[in-house]
């Protein structure tokens, strides 16, 4: 999994840590959107 993240990060001109942070941020945003839809 780490190798895949490293490759993906390089493709998007990010560090590995930067890519992990980006992915976590996207997951949190998706979770918030999902929670909003459930409340409606």
Protein backbone atom coordinates (compact mmCIF):
# COMPACT_ATOMS: atom_id res chain seq x y z
CA UNK A 1 0.00 0.00 0.00
CA UNK A 2 2.85 2.38 0.82
CA UNK A 3 4.42 1.89 -2.61
CA UNK A 4 1.10 2.72 -4.28
CA UNK A 5 0.72 5.89 -2.19
CA UNK A 6 4.30 6.88 -2.97
CA UNK A 7 3.67 6.42 -6.70
CA UNK A 8 0.39 8.31 -6.54
CA UNK A 9 2.03 11.14 -4.59
CA UNK A 10 4.80 11.45 -7.17
CA UNK A 11 2.22 11.61 -9.97
CA UNK A 12 0.48 14.50 -8.20
CA UNK A 13 3.71 16.27 -7.20
CA UNK A 14 3.17 15.72 -3.47
CA UNK A 15 5.30 14.16 -0.78
CA UNK A 16 4.12 10.84 0.60
CA UNK A 17 3.04 12.55 3.83
CA UNK A 18 1.29 15.25 1.83
CA UNK A 19 -0.59 12.60 -0.14
CA UNK A 20 -1.69 10.82 3.04
CA UNK A 21 -2.91 14.13 4.49
CA UNK A 22 -4.77 14.89 1.26
CA UNK A 23 -6.46 11.48 1.26
CA UNK A 24 -7.48 11.84 4.90
CA UNK A 25 -8.88 15.29 4.22
CA UNK A 26 -10.92 13.97 1.28
CA UNK A 27 -12.23 11.10 3.40
CA UNK A 28 -13.30 13.49 6.15
CA UNK A 29 -15.07 15.78 3.67
CA UNK A 30 -16.89 12.79 2.14
CA UNK A 31 -17.92 11.65 5.62
CA UNK A 32 -19.31 15.11 6.46
CA UNK A 33 -21.27 15.21 3.18
CA UNK A 34 -22.61 11.73 3.85
CA UNK A 35 -23.68 12.67 7.38
CA UNK A 36 -25.50 15.75 6.05
CA UNK A 37 -27.46 13.67 3.55
CA UNK A 38 -28.50 11.22 6.27
CA UNK A 39 -29.87 14.06 8.41
CA UNK A 40 -32.01 15.42 5.56
